[in-house]
Amino acid sequence: MSEVSYQTFLADTGLAGSPAYVGLASDTLPTRRKDATRKLQVRISKRQAKWLDHVEGIAGKDIDADAIVRVLIDLGSELDIDWAMTASAPALRAAVRDAVRIRQAPLHS
């Protein structure tokens, strides 16, 4: 049985009780480098570091690890997650998986 919170009952679920997924507004991820005045130190895995290094290497010159982390934190703040019900790392990962849908390019024949 899945965890249920008051947000489940109050959420706008769209047609036939299915969640509604919408695109993000153009002003949704607002934090710019000049807005960033606080330092953050995090531990990441070897796989995450490799991905971050790869993205830094192929992205534009103004995109560094700090810019990537800032936009991902902004994105996280937009997720419909009941943070009060998230009591463990596995529960956090499950809540994020449940809140996110990703776009996949169509397969070409």
N, C-alpha and C. Protein backbone atom coordinates (compact mmCIF):
# COMPACT_ATOMS: atom_id res chain seq x y z
N MET A 1 0.84 -1.18 0.00
CA MET A 1 0.00 0.00 0.00
C MET A 1 0.89 1.24 0.00
N SER A 2 0.59 2.19 -0.83
CA SER A 2 1.41 3.39 -0.93
C SER A 2 1.08 4.37 0.18
N GLU A 3 2.05 5.25 0.45
CA GLU A 3 1.83 6.29 1.45
C GLU A 3 0.84 7.30 0.91
N VAL A 4 -0.05 7.78 1.75
CA VAL A 4 -1.06 8.75 1.35
C VAL A 4 -0.97 9.93 2.30
N SER A 5 -1.06 11.11 1.76
CA SER A 5 -1.06 12.30 2.60
C SER A 5 -2.22 13.19 2.21
N TYR A 6 -2.41 14.23 2.98
CA TYR A 6 -3.51 15.16 2.69
C TYR A 6 -3.37 15.77 1.31
N GLN A 7 -2.13 15.93 0.79
CA GLN A 7 -1.94 16.52 -0.53
C GLN A 7 -2.58 15.66 -1.61
N THR A 8 -2.60 14.37 -1.40
CA THR A 8 -3.19 13.47 -2.38
C THR A 8 -4.67 13.79 -2.56
N PHE A 9 -5.33 14.13 -1.47
CA PHE A 9 -6.76 14.41 -1.53
C PHE A 9 -7.06 15.81 -2.05
N LEU A 10 -6.12 16.74 -1.87
CA LEU A 10 -6.35 18.12 -2.27
C LEU A 10 -5.87 18.45 -3.67
N ALA A 11 -5.02 17.61 -4.24
CA ALA A 11 -4.41 17.92 -5.53
C ALA A 11 -5.44 17.93 -6.65
N ASP A 12 -5.19 18.78 -7.65
CA ASP A 12 -5.99 18.79 -8.87
C ASP A 12 -5.51 17.62 -9.71
N THR A 13 -6.31 16.58 -9.82
CA THR A 13 -5.86 15.36 -10.47
C THR A 13 -6.26 15.25 -11.93
N GLY A 14 -6.93 16.21 -12.47
CA GLY A 14 -7.28 16.16 -13.88
C GLY A 14 -8.42 15.20 -14.15
N LEU A 15 -8.50 14.70 -15.37
CA LEU A 15 -9.58 13.82 -15.78
C LEU A 15 -9.43 12.42 -15.22
N ALA A 16 -10.52 11.84 -14.82
CA ALA A 16 -10.60 10.45 -14.38
C ALA A 16 -9.59 10.12 -13.28
N GLY A 17 -9.26 11.09 -12.44
CA GLY A 17 -8.36 10.85 -11.34
C GLY A 17 -6.90 10.71 -11.72
N SER A 18 -6.55 10.95 -12.96
CA SER A 18 -5.16 10.85 -13.39
C SER A 18 -4.46 12.18 -13.14
N PRO A 19 -3.20 12.12 -12.69
CA PRO A 19 -2.46 13.37 -12.49
C PRO A 19 -2.32 14.14 -13.80
N ALA A 20 -2.31 15.45 -13.70
CA ALA A 20 -2.11 16.30 -14.87
C ALA A 20 -0.64 16.69 -14.93
N TYR A 21 0.01 16.47 -16.05
CA TYR A 21 1.39 16.85 -16.23
C TYR A 21 1.44 17.99 -17.25
N VAL A 22 2.11 19.05 -16.86
CA VAL A 22 2.19 20.23 -17.71
C VAL A 22 3.66 20.65 -17.84
N GLY A 23 3.94 21.38 -18.90
CA GLY A 23 5.28 21.92 -19.08
C GLY A 23 5.55 23.03 -18.09
N LEU A 24 6.82 23.32 -17.88
CA LEU A 24 7.20 24.40 -16.97
C LEU A 24 7.08 25.75 -17.67
N ALA A 25 6.66 26.74 -16.92
CA ALA A 25 6.57 28.11 -17.45
C ALA A 25 7.97 28.65 -17.72
N SER A 26 8.09 29.61 -18.59
CA SER A 26 9.40 30.14 -18.98
C SER A 26 10.14 30.81 -17.82
N ASP A 27 9.43 31.22 -16.79
CA ASP A 27 10.07 31.87 -15.64
C ASP A 27 10.21 30.94 -14.43
N THR A 28 10.06 29.64 -14.64
CA THR A 28 10.06 28.68 -13.54
C THR A 28 11.43 28.48 -12.90
N LEU A 29 12.49 28.51 -13.65
CA LEU A 29 13.83 28.23 -13.12
C LEU A 29 14.64 29.53 -13.09
N PRO A 30 14.38 30.38 -12.09
CA PRO A 30 14.84 31.76 -12.15
C PRO A 30 16.26 32.05 -11.64
N THR A 31 16.87 31.18 -10.87
CA THR A 31 18.11 31.56 -10.18
C THR A 31 19.27 31.72 -11.16
N ARG A 32 19.85 32.93 -11.15
CA ARG A 32 21.00 33.24 -12.00
C ARG A 32 22.26 33.27 -11.16
N ARG A 33 23.40 33.23 -11.82
CA ARG A 33 24.69 33.26 -11.12
C ARG A 33 24.77 34.45 -10.16
N LYS A 34 24.33 35.61 -10.61
CA LYS A 34 24.44 36.79 -9.74
C LYS A 34 23.47 36.75 -8.56
N ASP A 35 22.46 35.88 -8.62
CA ASP A 35 21.55 35.70 -7.48
C ASP A 35 22.14 34.75 -6.44
N ALA A 36 23.12 33.98 -6.84
CA ALA A 36 23.69 32.95 -5.98
C ALA A 36 24.76 33.54 -5.07
N THR A 37 24.43 33.66 -3.79
CA THR A 37 25.38 34.25 -2.84
C THR A 37 25.78 33.28 -1.74
N ARG A 38 25.19 32.10 -1.73
CA ARG A 38 25.49 31.10 -0.69
C ARG A 38 26.31 29.96 -1.28
N LYS A 39 27.17 29.39 -0.45
CA LYS A 39 27.99 28.25 -0.86
C LYS A 39 27.31 26.97 -0.40
N LEU A 40 27.45 25.92 -1.19
CA LEU A 40 26.90 24.61 -0.88
C LEU A 40 27.97 23.58 -1.17
N GLN A 41 28.16 22.66 -0.23
CA GLN A 41 29.11 21.58 -0.45
C GLN A 41 28.33 20.28 -0.31
N VAL A 42 28.39 19.45 -1.33
CA VAL A 42 27.66 18.17 -1.32
C VAL A 42 28.60 17.03 -1.69
N ARG A 43 28.24 15.85 -1.22
CA ARG A 43 28.97 14.64 -1.62
C ARG A 43 28.18 14.00 -2.75
N ILE A 44 28.88 13.65 -3.82
CA ILE A 44 28.23 12.99 -4.96
C ILE A 44 28.98 11.72 -5.28
N SER A 45 28.32 10.84 -6.02
CA SER A 45 28.93 9.57 -6.40
C SER A 45 29.91 9.77 -7.56
N LYS A 46 30.68 8.76 -7.80
CA LYS A 46 31.62 8.78 -8.93
C LYS A 46 30.86 8.92 -10.25
N ARG A 47 29.72 8.20 -10.37
CA ARG A 47 28.89 8.28 -11.58
C ARG A 47 28.33 9.69 -11.77
N GLN A 48 27.87 10.31 -10.68
CA GLN A 48 27.34 11.66 -10.76
C GLN A 48 28.43 12.66 -11.15
N ALA A 49 29.63 12.50 -10.59
CA ALA A 49 30.75 13.39 -10.92
C ALA A 49 31.12 13.26 -12.39
N LYS A 50 31.11 12.03 -12.90
CA LYS A 50 31.44 11.79 -14.30
C LYS A 50 30.41 12.46 -15.21
N TRP A 51 29.12 12.32 -14.86
CA TRP A 51 28.06 12.97 -15.65
C TRP A 51 28.21 14.49 -15.61
N LEU A 52 28.45 15.04 -14.42
CA LEU A 52 28.61 16.49 -14.28
C LEU A 52 29.80 16.99 -15.08
N ASP A 53 30.91 16.29 -15.03
CA ASP A 53 32.09 16.67 -15.82
C ASP A 53 31.77 16.61 -17.31
N HIS A 54 31.04 15.57 -17.73
CA HIS A 54 30.67 15.43 -19.15
C HIS A 54 29.80 16.61 -19.60
N VAL A 55 28.80 16.95 -18.80
CA VAL A 55 27.89 18.05 -19.17
C VAL A 55 28.66 19.37 -19.21
N GLU A 56 29.51 19.60 -18.24
CA GLU A 56 30.33 20.81 -18.26
C GLU A 56 31.18 20.88 -19.53
N GLY A 57 31.69 19.74 -19.95
CA GLY A 57 32.57 19.69 -21.12
C GLY A 57 31.87 19.95 -22.44
N ILE A 58 30.60 19.58 -22.54
CA ILE A 58 29.91 19.73 -23.82
C ILE A 58 28.98 20.94 -23.87
N ALA A 59 28.67 21.52 -22.71
CA ALA A 59 27.75 22.67 -22.67
C ALA A 59 28.52 23.96 -23.01
N GLY A 60 27.77 25.02 -23.14
CA GLY A 60 28.35 26.32 -23.45
C GLY A 60 29.31 26.80 -22.38
N LYS A 61 30.11 27.80 -22.71
CA LYS A 61 31.17 28.25 -21.81
C LYS A 61 30.67 28.79 -20.48
N ASP A 62 29.43 29.25 -20.41
CA ASP A 62 28.90 29.79 -19.16
C ASP A 62 28.23 28.73 -18.28
N ILE A 63 28.24 27.48 -18.74
CA ILE A 63 27.61 26.40 -17.99
C ILE A 63 28.69 25.62 -17.23
N ASP A 64 28.63 25.71 -15.91
CA ASP A 64 29.54 24.95 -15.08
C ASP A 64 28.73 24.16 -14.06
N ALA A 65 29.41 23.42 -13.20
CA ALA A 65 28.71 22.59 -12.21
C ALA A 65 27.79 23.43 -11.34
N ASP A 66 28.20 24.63 -10.98
CA ASP A 66 27.36 25.49 -10.14
C ASP A 66 26.05 25.83 -10.86
N ALA A 67 26.12 26.16 -12.14
CA ALA A 67 24.91 26.50 -12.90
C ALA A 67 23.98 25.30 -12.98
N ILE A 68 24.55 24.12 -13.18
CA ILE A 68 23.73 22.91 -13.28
C ILE A 68 23.04 22.63 -11.95
N VAL A 69 23.76 22.73 -10.86
CA VAL A 69 23.17 22.48 -9.54
C VAL A 69 22.09 23.52 -9.23
N ARG A 70 22.34 24.78 -9.56
CA ARG A 70 21.32 25.83 -9.31
C ARG A 70 20.01 25.51 -10.02
N VAL A 71 20.09 25.15 -11.30
CA VAL A 71 18.86 24.89 -12.05
C VAL A 71 18.18 23.61 -11.56
N LEU A 72 18.96 22.62 -11.12
CA LEU A 72 18.35 21.40 -10.60
C LEU A 72 17.66 21.65 -9.25
N ILE A 73 18.21 22.53 -8.43
CA ILE A 73 17.54 22.90 -7.17
C ILE A 73 16.26 23.66 -7.48
N ASP A 74 16.30 24.59 -8.43
CA ASP A 74 15.07 25.29 -8.83
C ASP A 74 14.03 24.28 -9.32
N LEU A 75 14.46 23.31 -10.11
CA LEU A 75 13.55 22.29 -10.61
C LEU A 75 12.96 21.48 -9.46
N GLY A 76 13.79 21.09 -8.52
CA GLY A 76 13.32 20.33 -7.36
C GLY A 76 12.27 21.08 -6.56
N SER A 77 12.40 22.39 -6.49
CA SER A 77 11.42 23.18 -5.74
C SER A 77 10.06 23.21 -6.42
N GLU A 78 10.02 22.86 -7.69
CA GLU A 78 8.76 22.83 -8.44
C GLU A 78 8.04 21.48 -8.35
N LEU A 79 8.71 20.46 -7.85
CA LEU A 79 8.13 19.12 -7.81
C LEU A 79 7.01 19.04 -6.77
N ASP A 80 5.97 18.33 -7.12
CA ASP A 80 4.83 18.13 -6.22
C ASP A 80 5.15 16.95 -5.30
N ILE A 81 5.87 17.25 -4.22
CA ILE A 81 6.30 16.24 -3.27
C ILE A 81 5.84 16.66 -1.89
N ASP A 82 5.29 15.73 -1.14
CA ASP A 82 4.91 15.99 0.24
C ASP A 82 6.16 15.78 1.10
N TRP A 83 6.94 16.84 1.26
CA TRP A 83 8.23 16.74 1.94
C TRP A 83 8.08 16.24 3.37
N ALA A 84 6.98 16.58 4.04
CA ALA A 84 6.77 16.14 5.42
C ALA A 84 6.62 14.63 5.52
N MET A 85 6.20 13.99 4.45
CA MET A 85 6.02 12.53 4.44
C MET A 85 7.26 11.81 3.93
N THR A 86 8.30 12.54 3.59
CA THR A 86 9.52 11.94 3.04
C THR A 86 10.53 11.80 4.17
N ALA A 87 10.63 10.59 4.72
CA ALA A 87 11.40 10.39 5.94
C ALA A 87 12.70 9.62 5.75
N SER A 88 13.01 9.19 4.54
CA SER A 88 14.23 8.42 4.31
C SER A 88 14.73 8.68 2.89
N ALA A 89 15.98 8.35 2.65
CA ALA A 89 16.54 8.53 1.31
C ALA A 89 15.78 7.69 0.27
N PRO A 90 15.46 6.41 0.56
CA PRO A 90 14.68 5.65 -0.42
C PRO A 90 13.30 6.28 -0.68
N ALA A 91 12.66 6.80 0.36
CA ALA A 91 11.36 7.46 0.19
C ALA A 91 11.50 8.72 -0.65
N LEU A 92 12.60 9.45 -0.46
CA LEU A 92 12.86 10.65 -1.25
C LEU A 92 13.02 10.29 -2.73
N ARG A 93 13.82 9.29 -3.01
CA ARG A 93 14.01 8.87 -4.41
C ARG A 93 12.70 8.42 -5.04
N ALA A 94 11.89 7.68 -4.28
CA ALA A 94 10.59 7.22 -4.78
C ALA A 94 9.66 8.40 -5.04
N ALA A 95 9.65 9.38 -4.14
CA ALA A 95 8.79 10.56 -4.31
C ALA A 95 9.19 11.35 -5.55
N VAL A 96 10.49 11.49 -5.78
CA VAL A 96 10.95 12.22 -6.96
C VAL A 96 10.59 11.44 -8.22
N ARG A 97 10.82 10.12 -8.22
CA ARG A 97 10.44 9.31 -9.39
C ARG A 97 8.95 9.45 -9.69
N ASP A 98 8.13 9.50 -8.66
CA ASP A 98 6.69 9.62 -8.84
C ASP A 98 6.28 11.00 -9.36
N ALA A 99 7.05 12.03 -9.01
CA ALA A 99 6.70 13.40 -9.38
C ALA A 99 7.20 13.81 -10.76
N VAL A 100 8.12 13.05 -11.33
CA VAL A 100 8.79 13.46 -12.56
C VAL A 100 8.40 12.56 -13.73
N ARG A 101 8.20 13.17 -14.87
CA ARG A 101 8.06 12.46 -16.14
C ARG A 101 9.12 13.05 -17.05
N ILE A 102 9.79 12.20 -17.82
CA ILE A 102 10.86 12.70 -18.69
C ILE A 102 10.46 12.57 -20.15
N ARG A 103 11.03 13.44 -20.94
CA ARG A 103 10.79 13.39 -22.39
C ARG A 103 11.84 12.47 -23.00
N GLN A 104 11.38 11.60 -23.88
CA GLN A 104 12.31 10.72 -24.60
C GLN A 104 12.13 10.96 -26.09
N ALA A 105 13.26 11.02 -26.78
CA ALA A 105 13.21 11.19 -28.23
C ALA A 105 12.60 9.94 -28.84
N PRO A 106 11.81 10.11 -29.91
CA PRO A 106 11.23 8.93 -30.56
C PRO A 106 12.32 8.07 -31.17
N LEU A 107 12.08 6.77 -31.20
CA LEU A 107 13.02 5.84 -31.83
C LEU A 107 12.91 5.96 -33.33
N HIS A 108 14.03 5.98 -34.00
CA HIS A 108 14.05 6.06 -35.46
C HIS A 108 14.32 4.68 -36.02
N SER A 109 13.60 4.33 -37.06
CA SER A 109 13.78 3.01 -37.69
C SER A 109 14.89 3.03 -38.69
